[in-house]
N, C-alpha and C. Protein backbone atom coordinates (compact mmCIF):
# COMPACT_ATOMS: atom_id res chain seq x y z
N SER A 1 -6.89 19.47 -1.10
CA SER A 1 -7.28 19.15 0.28
C SER A 1 -6.52 17.92 0.76
N MET A 2 -6.38 17.83 2.08
CA MET A 2 -5.78 16.64 2.67
C MET A 2 -6.61 16.20 3.86
N VAL A 3 -6.95 14.91 3.88
CA VAL A 3 -7.76 14.34 4.93
C VAL A 3 -6.97 13.19 5.55
N VAL A 4 -6.69 13.30 6.84
CA VAL A 4 -5.82 12.33 7.49
C VAL A 4 -6.62 11.41 8.42
N PHE A 5 -6.49 10.12 8.17
CA PHE A 5 -7.15 9.08 8.95
C PHE A 5 -6.04 8.35 9.71
N GLY A 6 -5.85 8.73 10.97
CA GLY A 6 -4.77 8.15 11.76
C GLY A 6 -5.20 6.88 12.46
N GLY A 7 -4.24 6.09 12.87
CA GLY A 7 -4.56 4.88 13.61
C GLY A 7 -3.30 4.09 13.91
N THR A 8 -3.46 3.07 14.73
CA THR A 8 -2.32 2.21 15.03
C THR A 8 -2.12 1.22 13.88
N PHE A 9 -3.24 0.76 13.30
CA PHE A 9 -3.21 -0.21 12.19
C PHE A 9 -2.36 -1.44 12.59
N ASP A 10 -2.78 -2.08 13.68
CA ASP A 10 -2.02 -3.18 14.27
C ASP A 10 -2.87 -4.43 14.46
N PRO A 11 -3.26 -5.11 13.37
CA PRO A 11 -2.97 -4.83 11.96
C PRO A 11 -4.11 -4.03 11.30
N VAL A 12 -3.81 -3.53 10.08
CA VAL A 12 -4.84 -2.90 9.26
C VAL A 12 -5.89 -3.97 8.92
N HIS A 13 -7.16 -3.57 8.88
CA HIS A 13 -8.23 -4.53 8.57
C HIS A 13 -9.31 -3.85 7.72
N PHE A 14 -10.28 -4.64 7.28
CA PHE A 14 -11.33 -4.12 6.39
C PHE A 14 -12.12 -2.98 7.03
N GLY A 15 -12.23 -2.97 8.35
CA GLY A 15 -12.94 -1.87 9.02
C GLY A 15 -12.28 -0.53 8.72
N HIS A 16 -10.95 -0.48 8.84
CA HIS A 16 -10.21 0.75 8.52
C HIS A 16 -10.41 1.13 7.05
N LEU A 17 -10.21 0.16 6.18
CA LEU A 17 -10.21 0.41 4.74
C LEU A 17 -11.59 0.84 4.24
N ARG A 18 -12.62 0.16 4.73
CA ARG A 18 -13.99 0.50 4.30
C ARG A 18 -14.41 1.85 4.84
N THR A 19 -14.06 2.14 6.09
CA THR A 19 -14.43 3.43 6.68
C THR A 19 -13.77 4.58 5.94
N ALA A 20 -12.47 4.45 5.69
CA ALA A 20 -11.74 5.53 5.01
C ALA A 20 -12.24 5.71 3.58
N SER A 21 -12.52 4.60 2.89
CA SER A 21 -13.03 4.68 1.51
C SER A 21 -14.42 5.29 1.45
N GLU A 22 -15.26 4.86 2.39
CA GLU A 22 -16.63 5.39 2.43
C GLU A 22 -16.61 6.89 2.76
N LEU A 23 -15.70 7.28 3.63
CA LEU A 23 -15.56 8.70 3.98
C LEU A 23 -15.22 9.51 2.73
N ALA A 24 -14.25 9.01 1.95
CA ALA A 24 -13.86 9.71 0.72
C ALA A 24 -15.05 9.84 -0.22
N GLU A 25 -15.81 8.75 -0.33
CA GLU A 25 -16.93 8.73 -1.25
C GLU A 25 -18.06 9.66 -0.81
N VAL A 26 -18.45 9.53 0.45
CA VAL A 26 -19.56 10.30 1.00
C VAL A 26 -19.26 11.81 0.97
N MET A 27 -17.99 12.15 1.29
CA MET A 27 -17.62 13.56 1.37
C MET A 27 -17.14 14.11 0.02
N GLY A 28 -16.90 13.22 -0.94
CA GLY A 28 -16.41 13.68 -2.23
C GLY A 28 -14.95 14.10 -2.21
N TYR A 29 -14.16 13.48 -1.35
CA TYR A 29 -12.72 13.74 -1.33
C TYR A 29 -12.03 12.84 -2.35
N GLU A 30 -11.03 13.38 -3.01
CA GLU A 30 -10.30 12.58 -3.99
C GLU A 30 -9.49 11.49 -3.27
N HIS A 31 -8.88 11.88 -2.14
CA HIS A 31 -8.07 10.94 -1.37
C HIS A 31 -8.29 11.08 0.12
N VAL A 32 -8.13 9.98 0.82
CA VAL A 32 -8.01 10.01 2.27
C VAL A 32 -6.68 9.33 2.59
N THR A 33 -5.89 9.96 3.47
CA THR A 33 -4.55 9.47 3.78
C THR A 33 -4.54 8.68 5.08
N LEU A 34 -4.14 7.41 5.00
CA LEU A 34 -3.97 6.60 6.20
C LEU A 34 -2.61 6.90 6.79
N MET A 35 -2.59 7.30 8.06
CA MET A 35 -1.33 7.67 8.71
C MET A 35 -1.15 6.89 10.01
N PRO A 36 -0.28 5.86 9.98
CA PRO A 36 -0.06 5.09 11.21
C PRO A 36 0.67 5.93 12.25
N CYS A 37 0.25 5.82 13.51
CA CYS A 37 0.89 6.60 14.57
C CYS A 37 2.21 5.95 14.97
N GLY A 38 3.04 6.74 15.61
CA GLY A 38 4.37 6.27 16.02
C GLY A 38 4.28 5.17 17.07
N GLN A 39 5.42 4.66 17.44
CA GLN A 39 5.47 3.54 18.38
C GLN A 39 5.19 4.05 19.79
N ALA A 40 4.21 3.46 20.45
CA ALA A 40 3.94 3.82 21.85
C ALA A 40 4.90 3.02 22.74
N TYR A 41 5.27 3.64 23.84
CA TYR A 41 6.28 2.99 24.71
C TYR A 41 5.70 1.87 25.55
N HIS A 42 4.42 1.96 25.83
CA HIS A 42 3.81 1.03 26.79
C HIS A 42 3.22 -0.20 26.11
N LYS A 43 3.57 -0.42 24.85
CA LYS A 43 2.88 -1.47 24.11
C LYS A 43 3.30 -2.87 24.52
N ALA A 44 2.34 -3.78 24.46
CA ALA A 44 2.61 -5.18 24.78
C ALA A 44 3.53 -5.77 23.72
N THR A 45 4.23 -6.83 24.08
CA THR A 45 5.23 -7.39 23.18
C THR A 45 4.63 -8.16 22.01
N ASP A 46 3.36 -8.55 22.13
CA ASP A 46 2.78 -9.36 21.05
C ASP A 46 2.29 -8.49 19.89
N GLN A 47 2.61 -7.21 19.92
CA GLN A 47 2.13 -6.34 18.86
C GLN A 47 3.24 -6.00 17.86
N ALA A 48 2.83 -5.48 16.74
CA ALA A 48 3.75 -5.31 15.62
C ALA A 48 4.62 -4.07 15.78
N SER A 49 5.80 -4.12 15.22
CA SER A 49 6.69 -2.96 15.20
C SER A 49 6.17 -1.95 14.17
N ALA A 50 6.74 -0.76 14.21
CA ALA A 50 6.38 0.28 13.24
C ALA A 50 6.59 -0.23 11.80
N ALA A 51 7.73 -0.87 11.57
CA ALA A 51 8.04 -1.36 10.23
C ALA A 51 7.03 -2.42 9.77
N GLN A 52 6.63 -3.28 10.68
CA GLN A 52 5.65 -4.33 10.34
C GLN A 52 4.27 -3.74 10.05
N ARG A 53 3.88 -2.76 10.85
CA ARG A 53 2.57 -2.12 10.62
C ARG A 53 2.55 -1.42 9.26
N TRP A 54 3.67 -0.78 8.91
CA TRP A 54 3.77 -0.09 7.62
C TRP A 54 3.73 -1.10 6.47
N GLN A 55 4.45 -2.19 6.62
CA GLN A 55 4.48 -3.24 5.60
C GLN A 55 3.06 -3.75 5.31
N MET A 56 2.29 -3.98 6.37
CA MET A 56 0.92 -4.49 6.20
C MET A 56 0.02 -3.47 5.52
N LEU A 57 0.19 -2.19 5.85
CA LEU A 57 -0.57 -1.13 5.18
C LEU A 57 -0.25 -1.09 3.69
N GLU A 58 1.03 -1.17 3.38
CA GLU A 58 1.44 -1.14 1.97
C GLU A 58 0.86 -2.33 1.21
N LEU A 59 0.88 -3.49 1.83
CA LEU A 59 0.29 -4.68 1.19
C LEU A 59 -1.21 -4.50 0.98
N ALA A 60 -1.88 -3.97 1.99
CA ALA A 60 -3.34 -3.81 1.92
C ALA A 60 -3.75 -2.85 0.80
N CYS A 61 -2.92 -1.82 0.59
CA CYS A 61 -3.29 -0.78 -0.38
C CYS A 61 -2.59 -0.91 -1.73
N SER A 62 -1.81 -1.97 -1.91
CA SER A 62 -1.09 -2.11 -3.17
C SER A 62 -2.08 -2.33 -4.33
N GLU A 63 -1.76 -1.77 -5.44
CA GLU A 63 -2.65 -1.74 -6.61
C GLU A 63 -3.23 -3.10 -6.99
N ASP A 64 -2.34 -4.06 -7.17
CA ASP A 64 -2.77 -5.35 -7.70
C ASP A 64 -3.79 -6.04 -6.81
N VAL A 65 -3.73 -5.75 -5.51
CA VAL A 65 -4.65 -6.37 -4.57
C VAL A 65 -5.96 -5.65 -4.60
N ALA A 66 -5.85 -4.37 -4.28
CA ALA A 66 -7.05 -3.63 -3.97
C ALA A 66 -7.82 -3.31 -5.22
N GLY A 67 -7.13 -3.26 -6.36
CA GLY A 67 -7.81 -2.88 -7.58
C GLY A 67 -8.44 -1.53 -7.39
N LYS A 68 -9.72 -1.45 -7.69
CA LYS A 68 -10.40 -0.17 -7.59
C LYS A 68 -10.88 0.12 -6.16
N SER A 69 -11.02 -0.91 -5.34
CA SER A 69 -11.74 -0.72 -4.08
C SER A 69 -11.10 0.30 -3.14
N TRP A 70 -9.77 0.31 -3.03
CA TRP A 70 -9.15 1.29 -2.13
C TRP A 70 -8.38 2.36 -2.92
N SER A 71 -8.84 2.65 -4.12
CA SER A 71 -8.07 3.56 -4.98
C SER A 71 -8.00 4.98 -4.42
N ARG A 72 -8.91 5.33 -3.51
CA ARG A 72 -8.88 6.67 -2.95
C ARG A 72 -7.98 6.78 -1.72
N LEU A 73 -7.36 5.67 -1.32
CA LEU A 73 -6.54 5.69 -0.12
C LEU A 73 -5.07 5.90 -0.45
N THR A 74 -4.43 6.82 0.29
CA THR A 74 -2.99 7.02 0.17
C THR A 74 -2.38 6.80 1.56
N LEU A 75 -1.06 6.65 1.60
CA LEU A 75 -0.37 6.35 2.86
C LEU A 75 0.67 7.42 3.17
N ASP A 76 0.88 7.66 4.46
CA ASP A 76 1.90 8.62 4.88
C ASP A 76 2.58 8.06 6.14
N ASP A 77 3.91 7.94 6.10
CA ASP A 77 4.61 7.29 7.21
C ASP A 77 5.40 8.26 8.09
N ARG A 78 5.06 9.55 8.03
CA ARG A 78 5.89 10.54 8.75
C ARG A 78 5.91 10.31 10.27
N GLU A 79 4.79 9.85 10.84
CA GLU A 79 4.78 9.67 12.30
C GLU A 79 5.63 8.46 12.71
N LEU A 80 5.74 7.48 11.84
CA LEU A 80 6.56 6.30 12.14
C LEU A 80 8.03 6.67 12.14
N LYS A 81 8.39 7.66 11.34
CA LYS A 81 9.80 8.03 11.19
C LYS A 81 10.29 8.96 12.30
N ARG A 82 9.34 9.53 13.04
CA ARG A 82 9.72 10.52 14.04
C ARG A 82 10.20 9.83 15.32
N GLU A 83 11.27 10.37 15.89
CA GLU A 83 11.77 9.81 17.15
C GLU A 83 10.91 10.30 18.31
N GLY A 84 10.78 9.47 19.33
CA GLY A 84 10.07 9.89 20.54
C GLY A 84 8.58 9.92 20.35
N PRO A 85 7.84 10.36 21.37
CA PRO A 85 6.38 10.35 21.27
C PRO A 85 5.90 11.36 20.23
N THR A 86 4.84 11.02 19.55
CA THR A 86 4.31 11.88 18.50
C THR A 86 3.04 12.57 18.98
N PHE A 87 2.95 13.85 18.76
CA PHE A 87 1.72 14.58 19.06
C PHE A 87 1.06 14.99 17.75
N THR A 88 -0.25 14.88 17.72
CA THR A 88 -1.02 15.25 16.53
C THR A 88 -0.71 16.67 16.08
N VAL A 89 -0.58 17.58 17.04
CA VAL A 89 -0.32 18.99 16.73
C VAL A 89 0.97 19.15 15.92
N GLN A 90 1.98 18.36 16.29
CA GLN A 90 3.27 18.38 15.59
C GLN A 90 3.08 18.00 14.12
N THR A 91 2.33 16.93 13.91
CA THR A 91 2.07 16.44 12.55
C THR A 91 1.28 17.47 11.76
N LEU A 92 0.25 18.05 12.38
CA LEU A 92 -0.57 19.04 11.68
C LEU A 92 0.23 20.30 11.37
N THR A 93 1.15 20.67 12.25
CA THR A 93 2.01 21.84 12.00
C THR A 93 2.86 21.60 10.74
N GLU A 94 3.41 20.40 10.65
CA GLU A 94 4.21 20.00 9.48
C GLU A 94 3.37 20.04 8.20
N LEU A 95 2.20 19.41 8.28
CA LEU A 95 1.33 19.33 7.11
C LEU A 95 0.89 20.72 6.66
N ARG A 96 0.54 21.56 7.62
CA ARG A 96 0.10 22.92 7.28
C ARG A 96 1.21 23.68 6.57
N ALA A 97 2.44 23.52 7.05
CA ALA A 97 3.58 24.19 6.42
C ALA A 97 3.75 23.71 4.97
N GLU A 98 3.52 22.43 4.74
CA GLU A 98 3.65 21.87 3.39
C GLU A 98 2.51 22.31 2.47
N LEU A 99 1.31 22.37 3.03
CA LEU A 99 0.12 22.64 2.20
C LEU A 99 -0.12 24.13 1.96
N GLY A 100 0.46 24.98 2.81
CA GLY A 100 0.19 26.41 2.73
C GLY A 100 -1.06 26.76 3.53
N PRO A 101 -1.32 28.05 3.70
CA PRO A 101 -2.39 28.48 4.62
C PRO A 101 -3.82 28.25 4.12
N ASP A 102 -4.02 28.08 2.82
CA ASP A 102 -5.38 28.09 2.27
C ASP A 102 -5.96 26.72 1.94
N THR A 103 -5.15 25.66 2.08
CA THR A 103 -5.62 24.33 1.72
C THR A 103 -6.45 23.71 2.83
N HIS A 104 -7.54 23.08 2.44
CA HIS A 104 -8.39 22.37 3.39
C HIS A 104 -7.64 21.16 3.96
N LEU A 105 -7.48 21.15 5.29
CA LEU A 105 -6.81 20.05 5.98
C LEU A 105 -7.74 19.54 7.07
N SER A 106 -8.03 18.23 7.05
CA SER A 106 -8.92 17.66 8.07
C SER A 106 -8.29 16.44 8.73
N TRP A 107 -8.53 16.34 10.03
CA TRP A 107 -8.07 15.20 10.81
C TRP A 107 -9.33 14.42 11.18
N VAL A 108 -9.31 13.12 10.95
CA VAL A 108 -10.50 12.29 11.18
C VAL A 108 -10.39 11.62 12.55
N VAL A 109 -11.45 11.71 13.34
CA VAL A 109 -11.48 11.01 14.63
C VAL A 109 -12.80 10.27 14.79
N GLY A 110 -12.76 9.20 15.55
CA GLY A 110 -13.99 8.51 15.92
C GLY A 110 -14.64 9.24 17.08
N GLN A 111 -15.84 8.82 17.41
CA GLN A 111 -16.60 9.44 18.49
C GLN A 111 -15.86 9.39 19.83
N ASP A 112 -15.22 8.27 20.13
CA ASP A 112 -14.56 8.13 21.43
C ASP A 112 -13.36 9.06 21.53
N ALA A 113 -12.56 9.10 20.47
CA ALA A 113 -11.40 10.00 20.45
C ALA A 113 -11.85 11.46 20.54
N ALA A 114 -12.93 11.78 19.85
CA ALA A 114 -13.44 13.16 19.86
C ALA A 114 -13.84 13.58 21.26
N ALA A 115 -14.44 12.66 21.98
CA ALA A 115 -14.90 12.97 23.34
C ALA A 115 -13.73 13.32 24.26
N GLY A 116 -12.55 12.76 23.97
CA GLY A 116 -11.39 13.00 24.81
C GLY A 116 -10.42 14.04 24.28
N ILE A 117 -10.84 14.78 23.28
CA ILE A 117 -9.89 15.65 22.58
C ILE A 117 -9.35 16.78 23.45
N THR A 118 -10.12 17.20 24.45
CA THR A 118 -9.66 18.29 25.33
C THR A 118 -8.49 17.84 26.21
N ARG A 119 -8.18 16.55 26.21
CA ARG A 119 -7.01 16.06 26.96
C ARG A 119 -5.77 15.93 26.08
N TRP A 120 -5.89 16.20 24.79
CA TRP A 120 -4.75 16.09 23.88
C TRP A 120 -3.76 17.22 24.13
N HIS A 121 -2.50 16.97 23.80
CA HIS A 121 -1.44 17.96 23.89
C HIS A 121 -1.78 19.16 23.00
N GLN A 122 -1.81 20.35 23.59
CA GLN A 122 -2.12 21.60 22.85
C GLN A 122 -3.35 21.47 21.96
N TRP A 123 -4.42 20.92 22.52
CA TRP A 123 -5.57 20.57 21.69
C TRP A 123 -6.23 21.76 21.01
N GLN A 124 -6.21 22.95 21.65
CA GLN A 124 -6.86 24.10 21.00
C GLN A 124 -6.19 24.44 19.68
N THR A 125 -4.87 24.22 19.63
CA THR A 125 -4.09 24.55 18.43
C THR A 125 -4.51 23.70 17.23
N LEU A 126 -5.06 22.51 17.51
CA LEU A 126 -5.56 21.65 16.42
C LEU A 126 -6.46 22.43 15.48
N PHE A 127 -7.34 23.22 16.08
CA PHE A 127 -8.36 23.91 15.28
C PHE A 127 -7.80 25.12 14.53
N GLU A 128 -6.64 25.62 14.99
CA GLU A 128 -5.97 26.69 14.23
C GLU A 128 -5.29 26.11 12.99
N LEU A 129 -4.91 24.82 13.08
CA LEU A 129 -4.16 24.17 12.01
C LEU A 129 -5.03 23.40 11.03
N ALA A 130 -6.15 22.87 11.53
CA ALA A 130 -6.93 21.93 10.71
C ALA A 130 -8.40 21.94 11.10
N ASN A 131 -9.16 21.20 10.33
CA ASN A 131 -10.56 20.92 10.66
C ASN A 131 -10.64 19.54 11.30
N LEU A 132 -11.79 19.23 11.86
CA LEU A 132 -12.00 17.91 12.46
C LEU A 132 -13.22 17.26 11.82
N ILE A 133 -13.05 16.02 11.40
CA ILE A 133 -14.20 15.22 10.96
C ILE A 133 -14.44 14.17 12.02
N VAL A 134 -15.63 14.18 12.60
CA VAL A 134 -15.98 13.19 13.61
C VAL A 134 -16.83 12.11 12.96
N VAL A 135 -16.32 10.88 12.97
CA VAL A 135 -17.09 9.75 12.42
C VAL A 135 -17.97 9.22 13.54
N ALA A 136 -19.26 9.46 13.38
CA ALA A 136 -20.21 9.10 14.44
C ALA A 136 -20.86 7.76 14.16
N ARG A 137 -21.27 7.11 15.23
CA ARG A 137 -22.14 5.96 15.03
C ARG A 137 -23.53 6.54 14.77
N PRO A 138 -24.37 5.81 14.01
CA PRO A 138 -25.69 6.34 13.69
C PRO A 138 -26.47 6.74 14.94
N GLN A 139 -27.23 7.82 14.83
CA GLN A 139 -28.07 8.33 15.93
C GLN A 139 -27.29 8.62 17.22
N GLU A 140 -26.03 8.96 17.09
CA GLU A 140 -25.28 9.26 18.30
C GLU A 140 -25.12 10.77 18.46
N ASP A 141 -25.15 11.20 19.70
CA ASP A 141 -25.02 12.62 19.98
C ASP A 141 -23.59 13.10 19.77
N TRP A 142 -23.47 14.42 19.62
CA TRP A 142 -22.16 15.06 19.59
C TRP A 142 -21.46 14.83 20.92
N PRO A 143 -20.12 14.76 20.94
CA PRO A 143 -19.41 14.64 22.22
C PRO A 143 -19.73 15.84 23.12
N ALA A 144 -19.87 15.57 24.42
CA ALA A 144 -20.25 16.62 25.37
C ALA A 144 -19.22 17.75 25.44
N SER A 145 -17.95 17.39 25.25
CA SER A 145 -16.88 18.39 25.40
C SER A 145 -16.89 19.41 24.26
N MET A 146 -17.73 19.14 23.26
CA MET A 146 -17.66 19.94 22.05
C MET A 146 -17.98 21.41 22.24
N SER A 147 -18.80 21.71 23.25
CA SER A 147 -19.15 23.11 23.49
C SER A 147 -17.90 23.94 23.83
N GLN A 148 -16.84 23.29 24.29
CA GLN A 148 -15.60 24.00 24.64
C GLN A 148 -14.68 24.17 23.43
N TRP A 149 -14.95 23.48 22.33
CA TRP A 149 -14.02 23.52 21.21
C TRP A 149 -14.05 24.88 20.51
N PRO A 150 -12.87 25.46 20.23
CA PRO A 150 -12.84 26.72 19.50
C PRO A 150 -13.03 26.47 18.00
N ALA A 151 -14.22 26.02 17.63
CA ALA A 151 -14.44 25.61 16.24
C ALA A 151 -15.87 25.88 15.81
N HIS A 152 -16.05 26.05 14.50
CA HIS A 152 -17.39 26.19 13.92
C HIS A 152 -17.94 24.80 13.63
N ILE A 153 -19.12 24.52 14.15
CA ILE A 153 -19.76 23.24 13.86
C ILE A 153 -20.59 23.44 12.59
N MET A 154 -20.29 22.66 11.56
CA MET A 154 -20.93 22.87 10.27
C MET A 154 -21.71 21.63 9.84
N ASP A 155 -22.79 21.87 9.10
CA ASP A 155 -23.53 20.70 8.60
C ASP A 155 -23.65 20.70 7.08
N ASP A 156 -22.94 21.61 6.43
CA ASP A 156 -22.92 21.64 4.97
C ASP A 156 -21.54 21.15 4.51
N ALA A 157 -21.50 19.96 3.90
CA ALA A 157 -20.23 19.32 3.54
C ALA A 157 -19.41 20.18 2.58
N GLU A 158 -20.07 20.77 1.58
CA GLU A 158 -19.33 21.56 0.59
C GLU A 158 -18.70 22.80 1.21
N LEU A 159 -19.47 23.43 2.09
CA LEU A 159 -18.96 24.61 2.79
C LEU A 159 -17.80 24.22 3.69
N PHE A 160 -17.96 23.10 4.38
CA PHE A 160 -16.91 22.58 5.26
C PHE A 160 -15.62 22.33 4.47
N LYS A 161 -15.76 21.76 3.29
CA LYS A 161 -14.59 21.43 2.46
C LYS A 161 -13.87 22.67 1.94
N SER A 162 -14.52 23.81 2.01
CA SER A 162 -13.88 25.04 1.54
C SER A 162 -13.09 25.73 2.67
N ARG A 163 -13.21 25.21 3.89
CA ARG A 163 -12.53 25.81 5.04
C ARG A 163 -11.13 25.23 5.22
N PRO A 164 -10.09 26.06 5.30
CA PRO A 164 -8.76 25.52 5.56
C PRO A 164 -8.67 24.85 6.94
N SER A 165 -9.29 25.49 7.95
CA SER A 165 -9.19 24.99 9.33
C SER A 165 -10.33 25.55 10.17
N GLY A 166 -10.39 25.11 11.43
CA GLY A 166 -11.30 25.72 12.40
C GLY A 166 -12.74 25.26 12.37
N ALA A 167 -13.04 24.21 11.59
CA ALA A 167 -14.42 23.75 11.51
C ALA A 167 -14.53 22.27 11.90
N VAL A 168 -15.72 21.88 12.29
CA VAL A 168 -16.00 20.49 12.65
C VAL A 168 -17.19 20.00 11.85
N TYR A 169 -17.08 18.79 11.35
CA TYR A 169 -18.18 18.18 10.60
C TYR A 169 -18.36 16.76 11.10
N GLN A 170 -19.60 16.38 11.35
CA GLN A 170 -19.87 15.03 11.82
C GLN A 170 -20.51 14.21 10.70
N VAL A 171 -19.98 13.01 10.48
CA VAL A 171 -20.48 12.17 9.40
C VAL A 171 -20.79 10.77 9.94
N SER A 172 -21.94 10.22 9.54
CA SER A 172 -22.28 8.85 9.93
C SER A 172 -21.89 7.90 8.81
N LEU A 173 -21.12 6.89 9.14
CA LEU A 173 -20.70 5.90 8.15
C LEU A 173 -21.16 4.52 8.60
N THR A 174 -21.13 3.56 7.69
CA THR A 174 -21.55 2.20 8.02
C THR A 174 -20.71 1.66 9.17
N PRO A 175 -21.33 1.24 10.27
CA PRO A 175 -20.54 0.72 11.39
C PRO A 175 -19.79 -0.55 10.98
N GLN A 176 -18.55 -0.67 11.42
CA GLN A 176 -17.72 -1.83 11.10
C GLN A 176 -17.42 -2.58 12.39
N ALA A 177 -17.88 -3.81 12.47
CA ALA A 177 -17.71 -4.58 13.72
C ALA A 177 -16.37 -5.34 13.72
N ILE A 178 -15.31 -4.64 13.36
CA ILE A 178 -13.98 -5.26 13.33
C ILE A 178 -13.04 -4.36 14.12
N SER A 179 -12.19 -4.96 14.94
CA SER A 179 -11.14 -4.18 15.61
C SER A 179 -9.83 -4.94 15.47
N SER A 180 -8.73 -4.21 15.60
CA SER A 180 -7.42 -4.87 15.52
C SER A 180 -7.24 -5.89 16.64
N SER A 181 -7.79 -5.58 17.82
CA SER A 181 -7.65 -6.53 18.93
C SER A 181 -8.40 -7.83 18.65
N LEU A 182 -9.57 -7.73 17.98
CA LEU A 182 -10.31 -8.94 17.58
C LEU A 182 -9.48 -9.77 16.60
N VAL A 183 -8.85 -9.10 15.64
CA VAL A 183 -8.01 -9.80 14.66
C VAL A 183 -6.86 -10.52 15.37
N ARG A 184 -6.19 -9.80 16.28
CA ARG A 184 -5.06 -10.41 17.00
C ARG A 184 -5.50 -11.60 17.84
N GLN A 185 -6.67 -11.47 18.46
CA GLN A 185 -7.19 -12.56 19.28
C GLN A 185 -7.47 -13.80 18.44
N LYS A 186 -8.08 -13.59 17.27
CA LYS A 186 -8.38 -14.72 16.38
C LYS A 186 -7.09 -15.43 15.93
N ILE A 187 -6.05 -14.65 15.66
CA ILE A 187 -4.78 -15.25 15.25
C ILE A 187 -4.22 -16.10 16.40
N LYS A 188 -4.29 -15.54 17.63
CA LYS A 188 -3.83 -16.31 18.80
C LYS A 188 -4.59 -17.61 18.94
N ASP A 189 -5.90 -17.54 18.68
CA ASP A 189 -6.76 -18.72 18.82
C ASP A 189 -6.75 -19.60 17.57
N ARG A 190 -5.87 -19.25 16.63
CA ARG A 190 -5.73 -19.98 15.37
C ARG A 190 -7.04 -20.09 14.59
N GLN A 191 -7.81 -19.01 14.61
CA GLN A 191 -9.04 -18.94 13.82
C GLN A 191 -8.78 -18.13 12.55
N SER A 192 -9.62 -18.34 11.54
CA SER A 192 -9.44 -17.64 10.27
C SER A 192 -9.72 -16.14 10.41
N ILE A 193 -8.90 -15.34 9.73
CA ILE A 193 -9.14 -13.89 9.69
C ILE A 193 -9.42 -13.44 8.25
N ASP A 194 -9.72 -14.41 7.39
CA ASP A 194 -9.89 -14.12 5.95
C ASP A 194 -10.96 -13.07 5.66
N ASP A 195 -12.00 -13.03 6.50
CA ASP A 195 -13.08 -12.07 6.24
C ASP A 195 -12.85 -10.73 6.95
N LEU A 196 -11.73 -10.60 7.66
CA LEU A 196 -11.46 -9.39 8.43
C LEU A 196 -10.31 -8.55 7.86
N VAL A 197 -9.41 -9.23 7.12
CA VAL A 197 -8.15 -8.62 6.70
C VAL A 197 -7.90 -8.96 5.22
N PRO A 198 -7.38 -8.01 4.42
CA PRO A 198 -7.10 -8.31 3.00
C PRO A 198 -6.14 -9.50 2.85
N ALA A 199 -6.37 -10.27 1.80
CA ALA A 199 -5.63 -11.52 1.59
C ALA A 199 -4.11 -11.39 1.66
N PRO A 200 -3.49 -10.39 1.01
CA PRO A 200 -2.02 -10.32 1.08
C PRO A 200 -1.52 -10.08 2.50
N VAL A 201 -2.32 -9.39 3.31
CA VAL A 201 -1.93 -9.15 4.70
C VAL A 201 -2.08 -10.45 5.51
N VAL A 202 -3.16 -11.18 5.25
CA VAL A 202 -3.36 -12.49 5.90
C VAL A 202 -2.16 -13.39 5.61
N ASN A 203 -1.77 -13.46 4.34
CA ASN A 203 -0.64 -14.32 3.94
C ASN A 203 0.66 -13.88 4.60
N TRP A 204 0.86 -12.58 4.67
CA TRP A 204 2.09 -12.04 5.26
C TRP A 204 2.15 -12.35 6.76
N ILE A 205 1.00 -12.18 7.44
CA ILE A 205 0.94 -12.48 8.88
C ILE A 205 1.25 -13.96 9.12
N GLU A 206 0.68 -14.82 8.27
CA GLU A 206 0.94 -16.26 8.41
C GLU A 206 2.40 -16.58 8.17
N ALA A 207 2.98 -15.98 7.13
CA ALA A 207 4.38 -16.24 6.79
C ALA A 207 5.35 -15.79 7.88
N THR A 208 5.03 -14.65 8.52
CA THR A 208 5.95 -14.11 9.52
C THR A 208 5.68 -14.66 10.92
N GLY A 209 4.48 -15.23 11.13
CA GLY A 209 4.13 -15.72 12.46
C GLY A 209 3.80 -14.59 13.44
N LEU A 210 3.54 -13.40 12.90
CA LEU A 210 3.21 -12.25 13.73
C LEU A 210 1.93 -12.50 14.53
N TYR A 211 1.91 -11.98 15.78
CA TYR A 211 0.78 -12.08 16.71
C TYR A 211 0.52 -13.48 17.25
N ARG A 212 1.31 -14.46 16.85
CA ARG A 212 1.09 -15.82 17.37
C ARG A 212 1.68 -15.93 18.76
N PRO A 213 1.09 -16.76 19.59
CA PRO A 213 1.70 -16.95 20.91
C PRO A 213 3.09 -17.56 20.74
N ARG A 214 4.03 -17.08 21.52
CA ARG A 214 5.39 -17.61 21.44
C ARG A 214 5.43 -19.06 21.90
């Protein structure tokens, strides 16, 4: 099986790492793959390049640092390497071709992203290629747009994991009150980010002067 946890990771922080690890644990997946998205054209200048975001991910997940804590996390940089804007469908098409037709493939989205999925490029095709895992906040309703999704809504995790594609599963995980924008703001304000970001990433950000006001 392959479970893809996409994001900008600008920078990667404990919220990302804990959520992805807890997802692997709760669902019984051997691995969850962190996949940074390609470079957006409209991004502000104070944000990290694709290469910098990848470097921070590698530091965060390197063996000596993480030890056992992030051992279920793997990394995939295919979207960073692609020229031009990246569409999820393109990535899923590639992954499906690599995995074959029978392998369980899931794309992980948060509640907000799930609510907007009908606006994604070729969004119906997502469900032909993969399953969707919606990470919900506790006691939160399903996204309203979900009735339009061409997918089976499932509540049995084991059954869901046996499906190559076309299913949706909602999972509640521990809420993480950390965002990349909060981390960047703290760096600008010269406040400590030690409790938000893994130590090697903190050291690297300090050494490079990334996110600091010019």
